[in-house]
Amino acid sequence: MSVQPGWYVDPADTDTRRYWDGEGWLGAPIPVDAIPPDGPPPVEPPPAPVTPVAPAGSGTPDPATVAPSGPPHPGPPPGYGPPPGYGPQSGHGPVSGPAAGPPGWGPQGGPPGWVPPGGQPGWAPPPGHPGWSMRPPEPRPHGFVLAGYGRRFVARLIDFGLVFALNIVANGWFVWRWAQEWTPYWREIFRRAERGETSAEGLPLPGEQANSLLLVILLIAAALWLAYEVPAMAANGQTVGKRLMRIRAVPIATDQPLGMVRSLSRWSLLGLPTLFWYCAGIGLVLQLVDALSPLFDHPLRQALHDKRAQTVVVEVPHGFASTPSNDRNQPPGDTP
């Protein structure tokens, strides 16, 4: 999902804003503190052609400013010639082409990276945004550095460990009862494997209570995860793991708390598939795809749940208050 069109801080010059149409920049930049207009900037008219102005006064042109009408001199004036001893240096042939100069001198070229019109054979424009001669700078949403993959992974591991500890307390009895339902089945499987038997006839299958227990376990696990993550993310964009790793989630459009609606939307894409573990582990596959998605998203490193909620994860610098600033009165938009 691409960044929506709008006015954003220019990553090449953070003191200005420009209009992003979803694919590239449009129009001229405006000061970052100025209130941007609604919609894209107006099309700039082409510059008017400059016409020479005739000098005021009589219609007779000044002879000093009029080029002579006769043909140019075919050569130097009479008596002109090179100074004595002038000529090609010994060991060199006649000079042809541009005028010769001191040793090591050559025709002057353009600045570094300049290419003559039409380009050299095999030349191609460097990668990057249209109009940029190099890779664009990394976005800094609201002036913060994007969080690295390592920090995000460790923060998620810490959160999973805490949620797992909560499940041991709240779900332990249900897990023990579910294991008791499956114990006779697995015990018989191991006994037959030791004897070399491959028959599956007569295996003691678990009762209907095992399926009900599994559903209750998954519901409690999802509810604990929701209660742990959604309120904390809604308040300041940080769980315990994110706080320890000094990262937080912020909306792309403005540096404000996520709020319950956005936080719940962000969690649902990653947390609700827990209920589908019941269906041959499909939920676990969906969560794995979501967890790995930031590795393939550029330039904002958004996971699928970030794209759903229009959020981005940034680093929290040392000494910075974790509570987001309230900039509701400021014009929306930041680096796309």
C-alpha atoms as a PDB file:
ATOM      1  CA  MET A   1       0.000   0.000   0.000  1.00  0.00           C
ATOM      2  CA  SER A   2       1.575   3.309  -1.101  1.00  0.00           C
ATOM      3  CA  VAL A   3       1.534   6.564   0.848  1.00  0.00           C
ATOM      4  CA  GLN A   4      -1.599   8.587   0.158  1.00  0.00           C
ATOM      5  CA  PRO A   5      -1.233  11.815  -1.847  1.00  0.00           C
ATOM      6  CA  GLY A   6      -0.787  14.945   0.238  1.00  0.00           C
ATOM      7  CA  TRP A   7       1.616  17.600   1.479  1.00  0.00           C
ATOM      8  CA  TYR A   8       4.658  16.084   3.235  1.00  0.00           C
ATOM      9  CA  VAL A   9       8.016  17.264   4.515  1.00  0.00           C
ATOM     10  CA  ASP A  10      10.578  17.049   1.725  1.00  0.00           C
ATOM     11  CA  PRO A  11      13.188  14.420   2.802  1.00  0.00           C
ATOM     12  CA  ALA A  12      15.828  16.281   0.785  1.00  0.00           C
ATOM     13  CA  ASP A  13      15.120  19.558   2.637  1.00  0.00           C
ATOM     14  CA  THR A  14      13.286  19.185   5.949  1.00  0.00           C
ATOM     15  CA  ASP A  15      12.604  22.941   6.118  1.00  0.00           C
ATOM     16  CA  THR A  16      10.124  22.702   3.221  1.00  0.00           C
ATOM     17  CA  ARG A  17       6.998  20.780   2.249  1.00  0.00           C
ATOM     18  CA  ARG A  18       6.085  19.413  -1.179  1.00  0.00           C
ATOM     19  CA  TYR A  19       3.077  17.664  -2.626  1.00  0.00           C
ATOM     20  CA  TRP A  20       3.355  13.861  -3.045  1.00  0.00           C
ATOM     21  CA  ASP A  21       0.927  12.453  -5.664  1.00  0.00           C
ATOM     22  CA  GLY A  22       1.527   8.822  -4.717  1.00  0.00           C
ATOM     23  CA  GLU A  23       4.349   8.321  -7.236  1.00  0.00           C
ATOM     24  CA  GLY A  24       6.521  11.445  -7.083  1.00  0.00           C
ATOM     25  CA  TRP A  25       6.826  15.077  -6.017  1.00  0.00           C
ATOM     26  CA  LEU A  26       4.832  17.845  -7.745  1.00  0.00           C
ATOM     27  CA  GLY A  27       5.278  21.582  -7.817  1.00  0.00           C
ATOM     28  CA  ALA A  28       7.612  23.876  -5.947  1.00  0.00           C
ATOM     29  CA  PRO A  29       8.304  23.498  -2.207  1.00  0.00           C
ATOM     30  CA  ILE A  30       6.739  25.727   0.431  1.00  0.00           C
ATOM     31  CA  PRO A  31       8.051  26.558   3.936  1.00  0.00           C
ATOM     32  CA  VAL A  32       7.411  23.771   6.437  1.00  0.00           C
ATOM     33  CA  ASP A  33       5.546  26.153   8.759  1.00  0.00           C
ATOM     34  CA  ALA A  34       3.205  27.387   6.025  1.00  0.00           C
ATOM     35  CA  ILE A  35      -0.318  25.983   5.785  1.00  0.00           C
ATOM     36  CA  PRO A  36      -0.471  23.978   2.550  1.00  0.00           C
ATOM     37  CA  PRO A  37      -3.377  24.501   0.141  1.00  0.00           C
ATOM     38  CA  ASP A  38      -6.067  21.898  -0.389  1.00  0.00           C
ATOM     39  CA  GLY A  39      -5.126  19.443  -3.094  1.00  0.00           C
ATOM     40  CA  PRO A  40      -2.116  19.566  -5.416  1.00  0.00           C
ATOM     41  CA  PRO A  41      -0.279  22.814  -6.178  1.00  0.00           C
ATOM     42  CA  PRO A  42      -1.402  24.836  -9.202  1.00  0.00           C
ATOM     43  CA  VAL A  43       0.402  24.235 -12.480  1.00  0.00           C
ATOM     44  CA  GLU A  44       3.146  26.787 -12.954  1.00  0.00           C
ATOM     45  CA  PRO A  45       2.756  28.783 -16.228  1.00  0.00           C
ATOM     46  CA  PRO A  46       5.662  28.584 -18.662  1.00  0.00           C
ATOM     47  CA  PRO A  47       7.963  31.642 -18.608  1.00  0.00           C
ATOM     48  CA  ALA A  48       7.112  34.315 -21.150  1.00  0.00           C
ATOM     49  CA  PRO A  49       9.628  34.749 -23.959  1.00  0.00           C
ATOM     50  CA  VAL A  50      11.927  37.748 -23.548  1.00  0.00           C
ATOM     51  CA  THR A  51      11.865  40.176 -26.474  1.00  0.00           C
ATOM     52  CA  PRO A  52      14.709  42.677 -26.955  1.00  0.00           C
ATOM     53  CA  VAL A  53      13.734  46.266 -26.373  1.00  0.00           C
ATOM     54  CA  ALA A  54      14.870  48.817 -28.918  1.00  0.00           C
ATOM     55  CA  PRO A  55      16.767  51.778 -27.398  1.00  0.00           C
ATOM     56  CA  ALA A  56      14.757  54.928 -26.969  1.00  0.00           C
ATOM     57  CA  GLY A  57      15.529  57.935 -29.133  1.00  0.00           C
ATOM     58  CA  SER A  58      15.898  58.356 -32.846  1.00  0.00           C
ATOM     59  CA  GLY A  59      15.374  55.440 -35.156  1.00  0.00           C
ATOM     60  CA  THR A  60      18.947  55.648 -36.422  1.00  0.00           C
ATOM     61  CA  PRO A  61      21.018  52.878 -34.828  1.00  0.00           C
ATOM     62  CA  ASP A  62      24.277  53.744 -33.096  1.00  0.00           C
ATOM     63  CA  PRO A  63      27.178  52.927 -35.423  1.00  0.00           C
ATOM     64  CA  ALA A  64      29.223  51.722 -32.450  1.00  0.00           C
ATOM     65  CA  THR A  65      26.650  49.034 -31.644  1.00  0.00           C
ATOM     66  CA  VAL A  66      26.047  47.780 -35.189  1.00  0.00           C
ATOM     67  CA  ALA A  67      28.246  44.935 -36.414  1.00  0.00           C
ATOM     68  CA  PRO A  68      30.018  45.650 -39.705  1.00  0.00           C
ATOM     69  CA  SER A  69      28.199  44.318 -42.722  1.00  0.00           C
ATOM     70  CA  GLY A  70      31.315  43.284 -44.581  1.00  0.00           C
ATOM     71  CA  PRO A  71      32.781  39.772 -44.472  1.00  0.00           C
ATOM     72  CA  PRO A  72      35.054  38.904 -41.507  1.00  0.00           C
ATOM     73  CA  HIS A  73      38.796  39.036 -41.904  1.00  0.00           C
ATOM     74  CA  PRO A  74      40.035  35.796 -43.451  1.00  0.00           C
ATOM     75  CA  GLY A  75      43.144  35.789 -41.261  1.00  0.00           C
ATOM     76  CA  PRO A  76      45.324  37.858 -38.968  1.00  0.00           C
ATOM     77  CA  PRO A  77      46.159  41.431 -39.953  1.00  0.00           C
ATOM     78  CA  PRO A  78      49.287  42.130 -41.973  1.00  0.00           C
ATOM     79  CA  GLY A  79      52.497  41.835 -40.024  1.00  0.00           C
ATOM     80  CA  TYR A  80      51.020  39.505 -37.453  1.00  0.00           C
ATOM     81  CA  GLY A  81      52.717  36.172 -36.844  1.00  0.00           C
ATOM     82  CA  PRO A  82      53.829  33.842 -34.114  1.00  0.00           C
ATOM     83  CA  PRO A  83      56.748  34.901 -31.965  1.00  0.00           C
ATOM     84  CA  PRO A  84      60.215  33.594 -32.803  1.00  0.00           C
ATOM     85  CA  GLY A  85      60.784  29.996 -31.830  1.00  0.00           C
ATOM     86  CA  TYR A  86      57.099  29.190 -31.812  1.00  0.00           C
ATOM     87  CA  GLY A  87      56.043  25.837 -33.241  1.00  0.00           C
ATOM     88  CA  PRO A  88      55.404  22.217 -32.353  1.00  0.00           C
ATOM     89  CA  GLN A  89      57.746  20.763 -29.775  1.00  0.00           C
ATOM     90  CA  SER A  90      60.336  18.292 -30.924  1.00  0.00           C
ATOM     91  CA  GLY A  91      59.123  14.725 -30.984  1.00  0.00           C
ATOM     92  CA  HIS A  92      55.541  15.770 -31.686  1.00  0.00           C
ATOM     93  CA  GLY A  93      53.735  15.871 -34.957  1.00  0.00           C
ATOM     94  CA  PRO A  94      51.492  18.603 -36.210  1.00  0.00           C
ATOM     95  CA  VAL A  95      48.855  19.646 -33.759  1.00  0.00           C
ATOM     96  CA  SER A  96      45.254  19.089 -34.835  1.00  0.00           C
ATOM     97  CA  GLY A  97      41.981  19.490 -32.970  1.00  0.00           C
ATOM     98  CA  PRO A  98      41.723  21.683 -29.864  1.00  0.00           C
ATOM     99  CA  ALA A  99      44.517  24.090 -29.101  1.00  0.00           C
ATOM    100  CA  ALA A 100      47.447  22.540 -27.286  1.00  0.00           C
ATOM    101  CA  GLY A 101      48.332  23.491 -23.712  1.00  0.00           C
ATOM    102  CA  PRO A 102      50.814  22.657 -20.975  1.00  0.00           C
ATOM    103  CA  PRO A 103      51.659  19.017 -20.212  1.00  0.00           C
ATOM    104  CA  GLY A 104      48.755  17.159 -18.667  1.00  0.00           C
ATOM    105  CA  TRP A 105      46.243  19.646 -19.974  1.00  0.00           C
ATOM    106  CA  GLY A 106      43.132  18.394 -21.723  1.00  0.00           C
ATOM    107  CA  PRO A 107      39.828  19.798 -22.907  1.00  0.00           C
ATOM    108  CA  GLN A 108      37.725  20.956 -20.003  1.00  0.00           C
ATOM    109  CA  GLY A 109      34.640  18.855 -19.306  1.00  0.00           C
ATOM    110  CA  GLY A 110      31.544  19.401 -17.247  1.00  0.00           C
ATOM    111  CA  PRO A 111      31.127  18.873 -13.507  1.00  0.00           C
ATOM    112  CA  PRO A 112      31.437  15.352 -12.026  1.00  0.00           C
ATOM    113  CA  GLY A 113      28.626  13.124 -13.220  1.00  0.00           C
ATOM    114  CA  TRP A 114      27.827  15.363 -16.189  1.00  0.00           C
ATOM    115  CA  VAL A 115      26.845  13.585 -19.379  1.00  0.00           C
ATOM    116  CA  PRO A 116      26.618  15.215 -22.796  1.00  0.00           C
ATOM    117  CA  PRO A 117      23.134  15.433 -24.349  1.00  0.00           C
ATOM    118  CA  GLY A 118      22.090  12.046 -25.615  1.00  0.00           C
ATOM    119  CA  GLY A 119      24.297  10.180 -23.121  1.00  0.00           C
ATOM    120  CA  GLN A 120      27.245   7.932 -23.697  1.00  0.00           C
ATOM    121  CA  PRO A 121      26.781   4.436 -25.085  1.00  0.00           C
ATOM    122  CA  GLY A 122      25.417   2.180 -22.343  1.00  0.00           C
ATOM    123  CA  TRP A 123      24.621   5.097 -20.029  1.00  0.00           C
ATOM    124  CA  ALA A 124      21.474   4.903 -17.933  1.00  0.00           C
ATOM    125  CA  PRO A 125      20.104   7.247 -15.267  1.00  0.00           C
ATOM    126  CA  PRO A 126      21.038   6.223 -11.707  1.00  0.00           C
ATOM    127  CA  PRO A 127      18.392   4.574  -9.517  1.00  0.00           C
ATOM    128  CA  GLY A 128      16.238   6.685  -7.255  1.00  0.00           C
ATOM    129  CA  HIS A 129      13.162   8.893  -7.333  1.00  0.00           C
ATOM    130  CA  PRO A 130      12.396  10.763 -10.556  1.00  0.00           C
ATOM    131  CA  GLY A 131      14.388  13.972 -10.530  1.00  0.00           C
ATOM    132  CA  TRP A 132      16.981  12.720  -8.032  1.00  0.00           C
ATOM    133  CA  SER A 133      20.430  11.772  -9.257  1.00  0.00           C
ATOM    134  CA  MET A 134      21.036   9.313  -6.407  1.00  0.00           C
ATOM    135  CA  ARG A 135      19.201   7.112  -3.920  1.00  0.00           C
ATOM    136  CA  PRO A 136      16.776   9.300  -1.925  1.00  0.00           C
ATOM    137  CA  PRO A 137      17.533   9.833   1.766  1.00  0.00           C
ATOM    138  CA  GLU A 138      15.847   7.511   4.252  1.00  0.00           C
ATOM    139  CA  PRO A 139      12.519   8.931   5.443  1.00  0.00           C
ATOM    140  CA  ARG A 140      12.412  10.341   8.976  1.00  0.00           C
ATOM    141  CA  PRO A 141       8.732  10.418  10.008  1.00  0.00           C
ATOM    142  CA  HIS A 142       8.180  13.381  12.326  1.00  0.00           C
ATOM    143  CA  GLY A 143      11.963  13.749  12.545  1.00  0.00           C
ATOM    144  CA  PHE A 144      12.556  10.250  14.031  1.00  0.00           C
ATOM    145  CA  VAL A 145      14.787   7.501  12.668  1.00  0.00           C
ATOM    146  CA  LEU A 146      12.988   4.383  11.456  1.00  0.00           C
ATOM    147  CA  ALA A 147      13.300   1.480  13.888  1.00  0.00           C
ATOM    148  CA  GLY A 148      15.647  -1.297  12.782  1.00  0.00           C
ATOM    149  CA  TYR A 149      14.562  -4.888  12.221  1.00  0.00           C
ATOM    150  CA  GLY A 150      16.654  -6.160  15.136  1.00  0.00           C
ATOM    151  CA  ARG A 151      15.036  -3.867  17.691  1.00  0.00           C
ATOM    152  CA  ARG A 152      11.549  -4.718  16.474  1.00  0.00           C
ATOM    153  CA  PHE A 153      12.257  -8.462  16.596  1.00  0.00           C
ATOM    154  CA  VAL A 154      13.640  -8.366  20.150  1.00  0.00           C
ATOM    155  CA  ALA A 155      10.736  -6.186  21.315  1.00  0.00           C
ATOM    156  CA  ARG A 156       8.247  -8.697  19.895  1.00  0.00           C
ATOM    157  CA  LEU A 157      10.054 -11.587  21.602  1.00  0.00           C
ATOM    158  CA  ILE A 158       9.818  -9.780  24.953  1.00  0.00           C
ATOM    159  CA  ASP A 159       6.095  -9.176  24.450  1.00  0.00           C
ATOM    160  CA  PHE A 160       5.471 -12.807  23.466  1.00  0.00           C
ATOM    161  CA  GLY A 161       7.322 -13.956  26.591  1.00  0.00           C
ATOM    162  CA  LEU A 162       5.143 -11.795  28.831  1.00  0.00           C
ATOM    163  CA  VAL A 163       1.921 -12.912  27.124  1.00  0.00           C
ATOM    164  CA  PHE A 164       3.051 -16.540  27.434  1.00  0.00           C
ATOM    165  CA  ALA A 165       3.583 -16.032  31.175  1.00  0.00           C
ATOM    166  CA  LEU A 166       0.048 -14.662  31.468  1.00  0.00           C
ATOM    167  CA  ASN A 167      -1.251 -17.719  29.613  1.00  0.00           C
ATOM    168  CA  ILE A 168       0.466 -20.060  32.059  1.00  0.00           C
ATOM    169  CA  VAL A 169      -1.554 -18.482  34.848  1.00  0.00           C
ATOM    170  CA  ALA A 170      -4.898 -18.061  33.062  1.00  0.00           C
ATOM    171  CA  ASN A 171      -4.757 -21.014  30.652  1.00  0.00           C
ATOM    172  CA  GLY A 172      -2.724 -23.563  32.584  1.00  0.00           C
ATOM    173  CA  TRP A 173      -5.653 -25.654  33.836  1.00  0.00           C
ATOM    174  CA  PHE A 174      -7.311 -25.813  30.396  1.00  0.00           C
ATOM    175  CA  VAL A 175      -4.036 -26.845  28.755  1.00  0.00           C
ATOM    176  CA  TRP A 176      -3.566 -29.600  31.366  1.00  0.00           C
ATOM    177  CA  ARG A 177      -7.103 -30.941  30.744  1.00  0.00           C
ATOM    178  CA  TRP A 178      -6.545 -30.834  26.970  1.00  0.00           C
ATOM    179  CA  ALA A 179      -3.277 -32.779  27.366  1.00  0.00           C
ATOM    180  CA  GLN A 180      -5.098 -35.390  29.483  1.00  0.00           C
ATOM    181  CA  GLU A 181      -7.566 -35.960  26.644  1.00  0.00           C
ATOM    182  CA  TRP A 182      -4.718 -36.696  24.207  1.00  0.00           C
ATOM    183  CA  THR A 183      -2.455 -38.672  26.551  1.00  0.00           C
ATOM    184  CA  PRO A 184      -3.984 -42.160  25.888  1.00  0.00           C
ATOM    185  CA  TYR A 185      -3.706 -41.621  22.123  1.00  0.00           C
ATOM    186  CA  TRP A 186      -0.022 -40.641  22.144  1.00  0.00           C
ATOM    187  CA  ARG A 187       0.834 -43.270  24.728  1.00  0.00           C
ATOM    188  CA  GLU A 188      -0.544 -45.984  22.454  1.00  0.00           C
ATOM    189  CA  ILE A 189       1.271 -44.501  19.434  1.00  0.00           C
ATOM    190  CA  PHE A 190       4.640 -44.718  21.231  1.00  0.00           C
ATOM    191  CA  ARG A 191       3.909 -48.254  22.521  1.00  0.00           C
ATOM    192  CA  ARG A 192       3.191 -49.519  18.992  1.00  0.00           C
ATOM    193  CA  ALA A 193       6.240 -47.715  17.617  1.00  0.00           C
ATOM    194  CA  GLU A 194       8.473 -49.527  20.116  1.00  0.00           C
ATOM    195  CA  ARG A 195       7.025 -52.886  18.986  1.00  0.00           C
ATOM    196  CA  GLY A 196       7.359 -51.991  15.306  1.00  0.00           C
ATOM    197  CA  GLU A 197       3.596 -52.031  14.684  1.00  0.00           C
ATOM    198  CA  THR A 198       2.256 -49.737  11.952  1.00  0.00           C
ATOM    199  CA  SER A 199      -1.454 -50.434  12.301  1.00  0.00           C
ATOM    200  CA  ALA A 200      -3.695 -47.496  13.286  1.00  0.00           C
ATOM    201  CA  GLU A 201      -6.687 -49.629  14.188  1.00  0.00           C
ATOM    202  CA  GLY A 202      -8.033 -49.429  17.709  1.00  0.00           C
ATOM    203  CA  LEU A 203      -6.239 -46.218  18.691  1.00  0.00           C
ATOM    204  CA  PRO A 204      -7.980 -44.449  21.616  1.00  0.00           C
ATOM    205  CA  LEU A 205      -9.085 -41.157  20.043  1.00  0.00           C
ATOM    206  CA  PRO A 206      -9.712 -38.099  22.258  1.00  0.00           C
ATOM    207  CA  GLY A 207     -13.289 -37.189  23.032  1.00  0.00           C
ATOM    208  CA  GLU A 208     -15.316 -34.185  21.899  1.00  0.00           C
ATOM    209  CA  GLN A 209     -14.187 -32.314  25.005  1.00  0.00           C
ATOM    210  CA  ALA A 210     -10.671 -31.995  23.535  1.00  0.00           C
ATOM    211  CA  ASN A 211     -11.923 -29.774  20.680  1.00  0.00           C
ATOM    212  CA  SER A 212     -13.893 -27.587  23.076  1.00  0.00           C
ATOM    213  CA  LEU A 213     -10.893 -27.212  25.352  1.00  0.00           C
ATOM    214  CA  LEU A 214      -8.658 -26.191  22.435  1.00  0.00           C
ATOM    215  CA  LEU A 215     -11.141 -23.519  21.359  1.00  0.00           C
ATOM    216  CA  VAL A 216     -11.319 -22.135  24.904  1.00  0.00           C
ATOM    217  CA  ILE A 217      -7.514 -22.074  25.125  1.00  0.00           C
ATOM    218  CA  LEU A 218      -7.202 -20.077  21.896  1.00  0.00           C
ATOM    219  CA  LEU A 219      -9.940 -17.628  22.916  1.00  0.00           C
ATOM    220  CA  ILE A 220      -8.261 -16.959  26.262  1.00  0.00           C
ATOM    221  CA  ALA A 221      -4.846 -16.585  24.588  1.00  0.00           C
ATOM    222  CA  ALA A 222      -6.206 -14.037  22.064  1.00  0.00           C
ATOM    223  CA  ALA A 223      -8.039 -12.121  24.804  1.00  0.00           C
ATOM    224  CA  LEU A 224      -4.903 -11.909  26.954  1.00  0.00           C
ATOM    225  CA  TRP A 225      -2.848 -10.674  24.004  1.00  0.00           C
ATOM    226  CA  LEU A 226      -5.462  -8.038  23.167  1.00  0.00           C
ATOM    227  CA  ALA A 227      -5.671  -6.829  26.785  1.00  0.00           C
ATOM    228  CA  TYR A 228      -1.864  -6.647  26.992  1.00  0.00           C
ATOM    229  CA  GLU A 229      -1.145  -4.821  23.726  1.00  0.00           C
ATOM    230  CA  VAL A 230      -4.106  -2.710  22.563  1.00  0.00           C
ATOM    231  CA  PRO A 231      -4.505  -0.317  25.546  1.00  0.00           C
ATOM    232  CA  ALA A 232      -0.744   0.242  25.845  1.00  0.00           C
ATOM    233  CA  MET A 233      -0.357   0.945  22.121  1.00  0.00           C
ATOM    234  CA  ALA A 234      -3.379   3.249  22.150  1.00  0.00           C
ATOM    235  CA  ALA A 235      -1.892   5.369  24.948  1.00  0.00           C
ATOM    236  CA  ASN A 236       1.679   5.964  23.770  1.00  0.00           C
ATOM    237  CA  GLY A 237       2.473   3.492  20.968  1.00  0.00           C
ATOM    238  CA  GLN A 238       4.625   1.298  23.223  1.00  0.00           C
ATOM    239  CA  THR A 239       4.307  -2.125  24.835  1.00  0.00           C
ATOM    240  CA  VAL A 240       6.757  -3.269  27.492  1.00  0.00           C
ATOM    241  CA  GLY A 241       9.014  -4.767  24.809  1.00  0.00           C
ATOM    242  CA  LYS A 242       8.958  -1.604  22.690  1.00  0.00           C
ATOM    243  CA  ARG A 243       9.655   0.547  25.742  1.00  0.00           C
ATOM    244  CA  LEU A 244      12.684  -1.558  26.676  1.00  0.00           C
ATOM    245  CA  MET A 245      14.010  -1.402  23.082  1.00  0.00           C
ATOM    246  CA  ARG A 246      13.225   2.354  22.838  1.00  0.00           C
ATOM    247  CA  ILE A 247      10.921   2.173  19.835  1.00  0.00           C
ATOM    248  CA  ARG A 248       7.289   3.123  19.353  1.00  0.00           C
ATOM    249  CA  ALA A 249       4.553   3.166  16.732  1.00  0.00           C
ATOM    250  CA  VAL A 250       3.196   6.496  15.478  1.00  0.00           C
ATOM    251  CA  PRO A 251       0.640   7.428  12.809  1.00  0.00           C
ATOM    252  CA  ILE A 252       2.140   8.443   9.483  1.00  0.00           C
ATOM    253  CA  ALA A 253       0.044  11.592   9.162  1.00  0.00           C
ATOM    254  CA  THR A 254       0.692  13.177  12.562  1.00  0.00           C
ATOM    255  CA  ASP A 255       2.690  12.595  15.747  1.00  0.00           C
ATOM    256  CA  GLN A 256      -0.190  11.755  18.100  1.00  0.00           C
ATOM    257  CA  PRO A 257      -1.270   8.725  20.181  1.00  0.00           C
ATOM    258  CA  LEU A 258      -2.727   5.899  18.123  1.00  0.00           C
ATOM    259  CA  GLY A 259      -6.038   5.781  19.972  1.00  0.00           C
ATOM    260  CA  MET A 260      -8.129   2.671  20.628  1.00  0.00           C
ATOM    261  CA  VAL A 261      -9.580   2.358  17.125  1.00  0.00           C
ATOM    262  CA  ARG A 262      -6.256   2.527  15.304  1.00  0.00           C
ATOM    263  CA  SER A 263      -4.548   0.357  17.915  1.00  0.00           C
ATOM    264  CA  LEU A 264      -7.255  -2.320  17.663  1.00  0.00           C
ATOM    265  CA  SER A 265      -7.080  -2.217  13.862  1.00  0.00           C
ATOM    266  CA  ARG A 266      -3.311  -2.649  14.032  1.00  0.00           C
ATOM    267  CA  TRP A 267      -3.514  -5.587  16.461  1.00  0.00           C
ATOM    268  CA  SER A 268      -6.343  -7.417  14.709  1.00  0.00           C
ATOM    269  CA  LEU A 269      -4.312  -8.362  11.639  1.00  0.00           C
ATOM    270  CA  LEU A 270      -1.648 -10.000  13.818  1.00  0.00           C
ATOM    271  CA  GLY A 271      -3.655 -11.161  16.851  1.00  0.00           C
ATOM    272  CA  LEU A 272      -6.935 -12.493  15.446  1.00  0.00           C
ATOM    273  CA  PRO A 273      -5.238 -15.249  13.376  1.00  0.00           C
ATOM    274  CA  THR A 274      -4.500 -16.894  16.746  1.00  0.00           C
ATOM    275  CA  LEU A 275      -8.047 -18.247  16.601  1.00  0.00           C
ATOM    276  CA  PHE A 276      -7.200 -19.998  13.320  1.00  0.00           C
ATOM    277  CA  TRP A 277      -4.509 -22.149  14.904  1.00  0.00           C
ATOM    278  CA  TYR A 278      -7.480 -24.454  15.325  1.00  0.00           C
ATOM    279  CA  CYS A 279      -7.614 -24.856  11.513  1.00  0.00           C
ATOM    280  CA  ALA A 280      -4.472 -26.883  10.800  1.00  0.00           C
ATOM    281  CA  GLY A 281      -2.218 -24.022  11.904  1.00  0.00           C
ATOM    282  CA  ILE A 282      -3.369 -21.593   9.203  1.00  0.00           C
ATOM    283  CA  GLY A 283      -3.351 -18.750  11.714  1.00  0.00           C
ATOM    284  CA  LEU A 284       0.299 -19.361  12.548  1.00  0.00           C
ATOM    285  CA  VAL A 285       1.224 -19.106   8.851  1.00  0.00           C
ATOM    286  CA  LEU A 286      -0.647 -15.794   8.522  1.00  0.00           C
ATOM    287  CA  GLN A 287       1.145 -14.396  11.569  1.00  0.00           C
ATOM    288  CA  LEU A 288       4.515 -15.496  10.206  1.00  0.00           C
ATOM    289  CA  VAL A 289       3.861 -13.715   6.882  1.00  0.00           C
ATOM    290  CA  ASP A 290       2.867 -10.544   8.742  1.00  0.00           C
ATOM    291  CA  ALA A 291       5.928 -10.709  10.992  1.00  0.00           C
ATOM    292  CA  LEU A 292       8.323 -11.023   8.024  1.00  0.00           C
ATOM    293  CA  SER A 293       6.620  -8.401   5.833  1.00  0.00           C
ATOM    294  CA  PRO A 294       8.744  -5.411   7.059  1.00  0.00           C
ATOM    295  CA  LEU A 295      11.811  -7.044   5.483  1.00  0.00           C
ATOM    296  CA  PHE A 296      10.286  -6.515   2.030  1.00  0.00           C
ATOM    297  CA  ASP A 297       8.735  -3.064   2.504  1.00  0.00           C
ATOM    298  CA  HIS A 298      10.625   0.067   1.452  1.00  0.00           C
ATOM    299  CA  PRO A 299      11.180   2.776   2.405  1.00  0.00           C
ATOM    300  CA  LEU A 300       9.028   2.829   5.589  1.00  0.00           C
ATOM    301  CA  ARG A 301       9.604  -0.814   6.730  1.00  0.00           C
ATOM    302  CA  GLN A 302       5.911  -1.286   7.440  1.00  0.00           C
ATOM    303  CA  ALA A 303       4.454  -4.644   8.432  1.00  0.00           C
ATOM    304  CA  LEU A 304       1.047  -5.579   7.066  1.00  0.00           C
ATOM    305  CA  HIS A 305      -0.587  -4.515  10.332  1.00  0.00           C
ATOM    306  CA  ASP A 306       1.223  -1.148  10.040  1.00  0.00           C
ATOM    307  CA  LYS A 307      -0.156  -0.634   6.554  1.00  0.00           C
ATOM    308  CA  ARG A 308      -3.654  -1.473   7.758  1.00  0.00           C
ATOM    309  CA  ALA A 309      -3.489   1.138  10.523  1.00  0.00           C
ATOM    310  CA  GLN A 310      -1.288   3.632   8.587  1.00  0.00           C
ATOM    311  CA  THR A 311       1.422   3.542  11.263  1.00  0.00           C
ATOM    312  CA  VAL A 312       5.205   3.365  11.240  1.00  0.00           C
ATOM    313  CA  VAL A 313       7.671   2.212  13.931  1.00  0.00           C
ATOM    314  CA  VAL A 314      10.415   4.696  14.868  1.00  0.00           C
ATOM    315  CA  GLU A 315      13.263   4.857  17.360  1.00  0.00           C
ATOM    316  CA  VAL A 316      12.865   6.899  20.541  1.00  0.00           C
ATOM    317  CA  PRO A 317      16.011   8.969  21.175  1.00  0.00           C
ATOM    318  CA  HIS A 318      17.502   9.054  24.672  1.00  0.00           C
ATOM    319  CA  GLY A 319      16.029  11.795  26.788  1.00  0.00           C
ATOM    320  CA  PHE A 320      12.894  12.028  24.638  1.00  0.00           C
ATOM    321  CA  ALA A 321       9.518  11.873  26.387  1.00  0.00           C
ATOM    322  CA  SER A 322       7.678   8.735  25.302  1.00  0.00           C
ATOM    323  CA  THR A 323       4.329  10.548  25.257  1.00  0.00           C
ATOM    324  CA  PRO A 324       3.731  11.841  21.708  1.00  0.00           C
ATOM    325  CA  SER A 325       3.336  15.557  21.256  1.00  0.00           C
ATOM    326  CA  ASN A 326      -0.067  16.994  20.464  1.00  0.00           C
ATOM    327  CA  ASP A 327       0.072  18.741  17.111  1.00  0.00           C
ATOM    328  CA  ARG A 328      -3.585  18.753  16.189  1.00  0.00           C
ATOM    329  CA  ASN A 329      -3.359  22.461  15.290  1.00  0.00           C
ATOM    330  CA  GLN A 330      -0.481  21.874  12.907  1.00  0.00           C
ATOM    331  CA  PRO A 331      -1.071  21.113   9.202  1.00  0.00           C
ATOM    332  CA  PRO A 332      -1.000  17.348   8.599  1.00  0.00           C
ATOM    333  CA  GLY A 333       1.713  15.619   6.687  1.00  0.00           C
ATOM    334  CA  ASP A 334       5.271  14.507   7.132  1.00  0.00           C
ATOM    335  CA  THR A 335       7.907  12.626   5.260  1.00  0.00           C
ATOM    336  CA  PRO A 336       6.209   9.946   3.067  1.00  0.00           C
END
